């Protein structure tokens, strides 16, 4: 995916009809430091291959993005949010960040779904 710039807006409320269980998620070694979580959050809007993407739901490490063209929703992408560790390149530090799955991960960490209801059901399944 392209590396669009982050938009600092609050995460939209989840459309999931049932409250999520109070089950704790395991911490990952990625993107965590001694001072706690310091990961740049996943962006909420971006443009890629002629489509606009807008995050419409997020629960823990799962999210739904509406895939739009000319203002009309074409499909929904349900993703499992991943994190990458920070690194240094050419003397410049790149902070840890949440990342959108790569194309090669489709079917394992991301799915294209054609209806909003089906996308919500898929999100429920992946967040367990």
N, C-alpha and C. Protein backbone atom coordinates (compact mmCIF):
# COMPACT_ATOMS: atom_id res chain seq x y z
N UNK A 1 0.84 -1.19 0.00
CA UNK A 1 0.00 0.00 0.00
C UNK A 1 0.88 1.24 0.00
N UNK A 2 0.34 2.34 -0.41
CA UNK A 2 1.05 3.60 -0.35
C UNK A 2 1.24 3.98 1.10
N UNK A 3 2.07 4.97 1.32
CA UNK A 3 2.29 5.45 2.68
C UNK A 3 1.63 6.81 2.85
N UNK A 4 0.30 6.85 2.93
CA UNK A 4 -0.40 8.12 3.06
C UNK A 4 -0.16 8.73 4.43
N UNK A 5 -0.37 10.00 4.53
CA UNK A 5 -0.16 10.70 5.79
C UNK A 5 -1.31 10.46 6.75
N UNK A 6 -0.96 10.41 8.02
CA UNK A 6 -1.98 10.16 9.05
C UNK A 6 -2.90 11.36 9.20
N UNK A 7 -4.12 11.08 9.55
CA UNK A 7 -5.09 12.13 9.84
C UNK A 7 -5.41 12.01 11.33
N UNK A 8 -5.21 13.06 12.07
CA UNK A 8 -5.42 13.02 13.51
C UNK A 8 -6.86 13.32 13.84
N UNK A 9 -7.69 12.30 13.74
CA UNK A 9 -9.10 12.41 14.09
C UNK A 9 -9.45 11.27 15.01
N UNK A 10 -10.46 11.44 15.85
CA UNK A 10 -10.84 10.33 16.73
C UNK A 10 -11.35 9.14 15.92
N UNK A 11 -11.14 7.94 16.46
CA UNK A 11 -11.59 6.72 15.81
C UNK A 11 -13.12 6.70 15.85
N UNK A 12 -13.75 6.39 14.72
CA UNK A 12 -15.21 6.37 14.69
C UNK A 12 -15.75 5.26 15.60
N UNK A 13 -16.97 5.43 16.10
CA UNK A 13 -17.55 4.39 16.94
C UNK A 13 -17.77 3.12 16.12
N UNK A 14 -17.69 1.99 16.78
CA UNK A 14 -17.85 0.72 16.11
C UNK A 14 -19.32 0.44 15.82
N UNK A 15 -19.63 -0.12 14.64
CA UNK A 15 -21.01 -0.46 14.35
C UNK A 15 -21.37 -1.85 14.89
N UNK A 16 -20.45 -2.49 15.59
CA UNK A 16 -20.75 -3.82 16.10
C UNK A 16 -21.90 -3.73 17.08
N UNK A 17 -22.86 -4.60 16.89
CA UNK A 17 -24.09 -4.50 17.67
C UNK A 17 -23.94 -4.99 19.09
N UNK A 18 -23.03 -5.93 19.33
CA UNK A 18 -22.85 -6.45 20.67
C UNK A 18 -21.59 -5.85 21.28
N UNK A 19 -21.62 -5.57 22.58
CA UNK A 19 -20.41 -5.04 23.20
C UNK A 19 -19.32 -6.11 23.16
N UNK A 20 -18.09 -5.66 23.00
CA UNK A 20 -17.00 -6.61 22.95
C UNK A 20 -16.73 -7.18 24.34
N UNK A 21 -16.30 -8.43 24.41
CA UNK A 21 -16.03 -9.02 25.72
C UNK A 21 -14.86 -8.31 26.37
N UNK A 22 -14.80 -8.40 27.67
CA UNK A 22 -13.74 -7.70 28.39
C UNK A 22 -12.50 -8.58 28.47
N UNK A 23 -12.27 -9.34 27.43
CA UNK A 23 -11.13 -10.22 27.33
C UNK A 23 -9.89 -9.38 27.01
N UNK A 24 -8.82 -9.60 27.77
CA UNK A 24 -7.60 -8.84 27.53
C UNK A 24 -6.84 -9.47 26.37
N UNK A 25 -6.19 -8.62 25.59
CA UNK A 25 -5.39 -9.12 24.50
C UNK A 25 -3.94 -9.18 24.95
N UNK A 26 -3.21 -10.12 24.39
CA UNK A 26 -1.83 -10.29 24.74
C UNK A 26 -0.98 -9.19 24.12
N UNK A 27 -0.04 -8.69 24.88
CA UNK A 27 0.85 -7.65 24.36
C UNK A 27 1.85 -8.27 23.40
N UNK A 28 2.15 -7.55 22.36
CA UNK A 28 3.13 -8.00 21.39
C UNK A 28 4.45 -7.30 21.67
N UNK A 29 5.52 -7.97 21.37
CA UNK A 29 6.83 -7.36 21.57
C UNK A 29 7.07 -6.25 20.56
N UNK A 30 6.37 -6.33 19.43
CA UNK A 30 6.53 -5.31 18.41
C UNK A 30 5.93 -3.99 18.88
N UNK A 31 6.60 -2.92 18.58
CA UNK A 31 6.09 -1.56 18.79
C UNK A 31 5.83 -1.23 20.26
N UNK A 32 6.45 -1.93 21.14
CA UNK A 32 6.33 -1.62 22.57
C UNK A 32 7.72 -1.30 23.10
N UNK A 33 7.79 -0.35 23.96
CA UNK A 33 9.06 0.00 24.56
C UNK A 33 8.99 -0.07 26.06
N UNK A 34 10.05 0.33 26.72
CA UNK A 34 10.10 0.30 28.17
C UNK A 34 9.09 1.25 28.79
N UNK A 35 8.73 2.28 28.07
CA UNK A 35 7.79 3.27 28.60
C UNK A 35 6.34 2.93 28.24
N UNK A 36 6.10 1.77 27.64
CA UNK A 36 4.74 1.39 27.27
C UNK A 36 4.53 1.50 25.77
N UNK A 37 3.30 1.51 25.40
CA UNK A 37 2.93 1.53 23.99
C UNK A 37 3.22 2.90 23.39
N UNK A 38 4.02 2.92 22.33
CA UNK A 38 4.34 4.19 21.68
C UNK A 38 4.24 4.03 20.17
N UNK A 39 3.16 3.45 19.75
CA UNK A 39 2.97 3.10 18.35
C UNK A 39 2.08 4.13 17.66
N UNK A 40 2.49 4.57 16.48
CA UNK A 40 1.67 5.50 15.70
C UNK A 40 0.44 4.74 15.21
N UNK A 41 -0.77 5.26 15.45
CA UNK A 41 -1.98 4.54 15.06
C UNK A 41 -2.18 4.48 13.55
N UNK A 42 -2.92 3.49 13.14
CA UNK A 42 -3.27 3.30 11.74
C UNK A 42 -4.06 4.51 11.24
N UNK A 43 -3.79 4.94 10.03
CA UNK A 43 -4.49 6.10 9.50
C UNK A 43 -5.95 5.76 9.22
N UNK A 44 -6.79 6.76 9.24
CA UNK A 44 -8.22 6.56 9.06
C UNK A 44 -8.69 6.77 7.63
N UNK A 45 -7.97 7.56 6.86
CA UNK A 45 -8.35 7.81 5.46
C UNK A 45 -7.08 7.80 4.62
N UNK A 46 -7.21 7.21 3.43
CA UNK A 46 -6.10 7.25 2.48
C UNK A 46 -6.63 6.96 1.08
N UNK A 47 -5.79 7.17 0.09
CA UNK A 47 -6.14 6.92 -1.31
C UNK A 47 -5.12 5.94 -1.87
N UNK A 48 -5.61 4.93 -2.63
CA UNK A 48 -4.70 3.95 -3.22
C UNK A 48 -5.35 3.36 -4.48
N UNK A 49 -4.60 3.30 -5.55
CA UNK A 49 -5.06 2.72 -6.82
C UNK A 49 -6.40 3.26 -7.29
N UNK A 50 -6.62 4.56 -7.14
CA UNK A 50 -7.84 5.19 -7.62
C UNK A 50 -9.03 5.07 -6.68
N UNK A 51 -8.85 4.44 -5.53
CA UNK A 51 -9.93 4.31 -4.55
C UNK A 51 -9.62 5.16 -3.32
N UNK A 52 -10.67 5.62 -2.67
CA UNK A 52 -10.55 6.28 -1.37
C UNK A 52 -10.95 5.26 -0.33
N UNK A 53 -10.23 5.22 0.78
CA UNK A 53 -10.51 4.30 1.87
C UNK A 53 -10.79 5.10 3.13
N UNK A 54 -11.83 4.71 3.85
CA UNK A 54 -12.24 5.42 5.07
C UNK A 54 -12.55 4.39 6.14
N UNK A 55 -11.89 4.53 7.29
CA UNK A 55 -12.14 3.60 8.39
C UNK A 55 -13.53 3.86 8.97
N UNK A 56 -14.36 2.83 8.99
CA UNK A 56 -15.72 3.01 9.52
C UNK A 56 -15.92 2.27 10.83
N UNK A 57 -14.99 1.39 11.18
CA UNK A 57 -15.09 0.67 12.46
C UNK A 57 -13.72 0.17 12.87
N UNK A 58 -13.54 0.11 14.18
CA UNK A 58 -12.31 -0.47 14.72
C UNK A 58 -12.62 -1.10 16.07
N UNK A 59 -12.19 -2.32 16.24
CA UNK A 59 -12.28 -3.04 17.51
C UNK A 59 -10.95 -3.71 17.72
N UNK A 60 -10.28 -3.39 18.81
CA UNK A 60 -8.98 -3.96 19.14
C UNK A 60 -8.06 -3.96 17.92
N UNK A 61 -7.68 -5.14 17.43
CA UNK A 61 -6.74 -5.23 16.30
C UNK A 61 -7.44 -5.55 14.98
N UNK A 62 -8.70 -5.14 14.86
CA UNK A 62 -9.42 -5.33 13.62
C UNK A 62 -10.08 -4.02 13.20
N UNK A 63 -10.26 -3.86 11.90
CA UNK A 63 -10.90 -2.63 11.40
C UNK A 63 -11.62 -2.92 10.10
N UNK A 64 -12.59 -2.05 9.81
CA UNK A 64 -13.30 -2.10 8.52
C UNK A 64 -13.06 -0.76 7.83
N UNK A 65 -12.68 -0.84 6.56
CA UNK A 65 -12.53 0.35 5.72
C UNK A 65 -13.53 0.28 4.58
N UNK A 66 -14.23 1.37 4.34
CA UNK A 66 -15.11 1.47 3.17
C UNK A 66 -14.21 1.83 1.99
N UNK A 67 -14.35 1.07 0.91
CA UNK A 67 -13.62 1.34 -0.32
C UNK A 67 -14.56 2.13 -1.21
N UNK A 68 -14.17 3.36 -1.56
CA UNK A 68 -15.07 4.25 -2.29
C UNK A 68 -14.44 4.74 -3.58
N UNK A 69 -15.31 5.02 -4.54
CA UNK A 69 -14.90 5.66 -5.78
C UNK A 69 -15.95 6.69 -6.11
N UNK A 70 -15.51 7.92 -6.30
CA UNK A 70 -16.41 9.05 -6.58
C UNK A 70 -17.52 9.16 -5.55
N UNK A 71 -17.21 8.89 -4.29
CA UNK A 71 -18.17 9.06 -3.20
C UNK A 71 -19.11 7.90 -2.96
N UNK A 72 -19.08 6.88 -3.82
CA UNK A 72 -19.96 5.72 -3.65
C UNK A 72 -19.15 4.55 -3.10
N UNK A 73 -19.70 3.88 -2.09
CA UNK A 73 -19.01 2.72 -1.51
C UNK A 73 -19.11 1.55 -2.48
N UNK A 74 -17.96 0.99 -2.81
CA UNK A 74 -17.86 -0.13 -3.75
C UNK A 74 -17.83 -1.45 -2.97
N UNK A 75 -17.04 -1.48 -1.89
CA UNK A 75 -16.87 -2.69 -1.09
C UNK A 75 -16.31 -2.28 0.27
N UNK A 76 -16.06 -3.27 1.10
CA UNK A 76 -15.49 -3.04 2.43
C UNK A 76 -14.26 -3.93 2.56
N UNK A 77 -13.21 -3.40 3.18
CA UNK A 77 -12.03 -4.19 3.47
C UNK A 77 -11.98 -4.40 4.97
N UNK A 78 -11.98 -5.65 5.37
CA UNK A 78 -11.86 -6.01 6.78
C UNK A 78 -10.42 -6.44 6.98
N UNK A 79 -9.75 -5.82 7.95
CA UNK A 79 -8.33 -6.10 8.13
C UNK A 79 -7.99 -6.45 9.57
N UNK A 80 -6.94 -7.23 9.69
CA UNK A 80 -6.32 -7.51 10.97
C UNK A 80 -5.14 -6.53 11.05
N UNK A 81 -5.18 -5.63 12.01
CA UNK A 81 -4.15 -4.59 12.12
C UNK A 81 -2.85 -5.21 12.63
N UNK A 82 -1.77 -4.91 11.95
CA UNK A 82 -0.45 -5.38 12.34
C UNK A 82 0.38 -4.21 12.84
N UNK A 83 1.47 -4.52 13.49
CA UNK A 83 2.38 -3.48 13.99
C UNK A 83 3.79 -3.78 13.51
N UNK A 84 4.51 -2.73 13.20
CA UNK A 84 5.92 -2.91 12.85
C UNK A 84 6.75 -2.17 13.87
N UNK A 85 7.89 -2.75 14.17
CA UNK A 85 8.80 -2.15 15.12
C UNK A 85 9.44 -0.91 14.51
N UNK A 86 9.91 -0.03 15.36
CA UNK A 86 10.64 1.13 14.89
C UNK A 86 11.99 0.69 14.35
N UNK A 87 12.60 1.53 13.54
CA UNK A 87 13.91 1.20 12.99
C UNK A 87 14.62 2.49 12.61
N UNK A 88 15.89 2.35 12.28
CA UNK A 88 16.67 3.50 11.85
C UNK A 88 17.19 3.23 10.46
N UNK A 89 17.11 4.24 9.60
CA UNK A 89 17.60 4.12 8.24
C UNK A 89 18.29 5.42 7.86
N UNK A 90 19.52 5.31 7.43
CA UNK A 90 20.32 6.47 7.03
C UNK A 90 20.34 7.54 8.13
N UNK A 91 20.48 7.11 9.38
CA UNK A 91 20.55 8.04 10.50
C UNK A 91 19.22 8.63 10.92
N UNK A 92 18.13 8.20 10.30
CA UNK A 92 16.80 8.73 10.64
C UNK A 92 16.00 7.64 11.33
N UNK A 93 15.37 8.00 12.46
CA UNK A 93 14.57 7.04 13.22
C UNK A 93 13.14 7.05 12.71
N UNK A 94 12.63 5.86 12.45
CA UNK A 94 11.24 5.69 12.03
C UNK A 94 10.52 5.04 13.20
N UNK A 95 9.47 5.69 13.69
CA UNK A 95 8.77 5.22 14.88
C UNK A 95 7.96 3.96 14.62
N UNK A 96 7.71 3.17 15.66
CA UNK A 96 6.84 2.00 15.52
C UNK A 96 5.47 2.46 15.05
N UNK A 97 4.78 1.62 14.29
CA UNK A 97 3.49 2.03 13.75
C UNK A 97 2.59 0.84 13.49
N UNK A 98 1.28 1.10 13.54
CA UNK A 98 0.31 0.12 13.07
C UNK A 98 0.33 0.19 11.55
N UNK A 99 0.15 -0.96 10.91
CA UNK A 99 0.21 -0.99 9.45
C UNK A 99 -0.96 -1.76 8.86
N UNK A 100 -1.35 -1.35 7.66
CA UNK A 100 -2.39 -2.01 6.86
C UNK A 100 -1.75 -3.25 6.25
N UNK A 101 -2.44 -4.37 6.15
CA UNK A 101 -1.84 -5.57 5.57
C UNK A 101 -1.39 -5.35 4.12
N UNK A 102 -0.33 -6.03 3.75
CA UNK A 102 0.16 -5.97 2.38
C UNK A 102 -0.71 -6.84 1.48
N UNK A 103 -0.63 -6.62 0.20
CA UNK A 103 -1.42 -7.38 -0.78
C UNK A 103 -1.23 -8.89 -0.63
N UNK A 104 -0.01 -9.30 -0.31
CA UNK A 104 0.29 -10.72 -0.16
C UNK A 104 -0.45 -11.35 1.02
N UNK A 105 -0.95 -10.53 1.94
CA UNK A 105 -1.63 -11.03 3.13
C UNK A 105 -3.13 -11.21 2.94
N UNK A 106 -3.63 -10.89 1.72
CA UNK A 106 -5.08 -10.99 1.49
C UNK A 106 -5.51 -12.44 1.64
N UNK A 107 -6.57 -12.64 2.38
CA UNK A 107 -7.06 -13.99 2.66
C UNK A 107 -6.61 -14.50 4.01
N UNK A 108 -5.54 -13.92 4.56
CA UNK A 108 -5.05 -14.29 5.88
C UNK A 108 -5.25 -13.16 6.88
N UNK A 109 -4.94 -11.94 6.47
CA UNK A 109 -5.05 -10.77 7.36
C UNK A 109 -5.98 -9.70 6.82
N UNK A 110 -6.54 -9.91 5.62
CA UNK A 110 -7.42 -8.90 5.03
C UNK A 110 -8.36 -9.58 4.04
N UNK A 111 -9.58 -9.01 3.97
CA UNK A 111 -10.62 -9.58 3.10
C UNK A 111 -11.43 -8.46 2.48
N UNK A 112 -11.82 -8.63 1.22
CA UNK A 112 -12.72 -7.70 0.56
C UNK A 112 -14.12 -8.29 0.66
N UNK A 113 -15.04 -7.53 1.25
CA UNK A 113 -16.40 -7.99 1.50
C UNK A 113 -17.34 -7.00 0.80
N UNK A 114 -18.44 -7.50 0.23
CA UNK A 114 -19.29 -6.63 -0.57
C UNK A 114 -20.47 -5.99 0.14
N UNK A 115 -20.79 -6.43 1.37
CA UNK A 115 -21.87 -5.77 2.09
C UNK A 115 -21.39 -5.37 3.48
N UNK A 116 -21.97 -4.31 4.00
CA UNK A 116 -21.59 -3.81 5.33
C UNK A 116 -21.88 -4.85 6.41
N UNK A 117 -23.04 -5.49 6.35
CA UNK A 117 -23.39 -6.50 7.36
C UNK A 117 -22.40 -7.66 7.37
N UNK A 118 -22.02 -8.13 6.18
CA UNK A 118 -21.05 -9.23 6.09
C UNK A 118 -19.68 -8.78 6.61
N UNK A 119 -19.32 -7.53 6.35
CA UNK A 119 -18.04 -7.00 6.86
C UNK A 119 -18.05 -6.95 8.39
N UNK A 120 -19.16 -6.55 8.97
CA UNK A 120 -19.27 -6.50 10.44
C UNK A 120 -19.15 -7.91 11.01
N UNK A 121 -19.78 -8.88 10.38
CA UNK A 121 -19.68 -10.27 10.85
C UNK A 121 -18.25 -10.78 10.76
N UNK A 122 -17.55 -10.46 9.68
CA UNK A 122 -16.16 -10.88 9.52
C UNK A 122 -15.28 -10.24 10.59
N UNK A 123 -15.51 -8.97 10.87
CA UNK A 123 -14.75 -8.28 11.91
C UNK A 123 -14.95 -8.96 13.26
N UNK A 124 -16.19 -9.31 13.57
CA UNK A 124 -16.49 -10.01 14.83
C UNK A 124 -15.68 -11.31 14.92
N UNK A 125 -15.59 -12.04 13.80
CA UNK A 125 -14.86 -13.31 13.80
C UNK A 125 -13.36 -13.13 14.02
N UNK A 126 -12.79 -12.12 13.38
CA UNK A 126 -11.33 -11.98 13.50
C UNK A 126 -10.88 -11.42 14.84
N UNK A 127 -11.75 -10.67 15.52
CA UNK A 127 -11.33 -10.15 16.83
C UNK A 127 -11.65 -11.13 17.94
N UNK A 128 -12.42 -12.18 17.59
CA UNK A 128 -12.72 -13.26 18.53
C UNK A 128 -13.50 -12.83 19.68
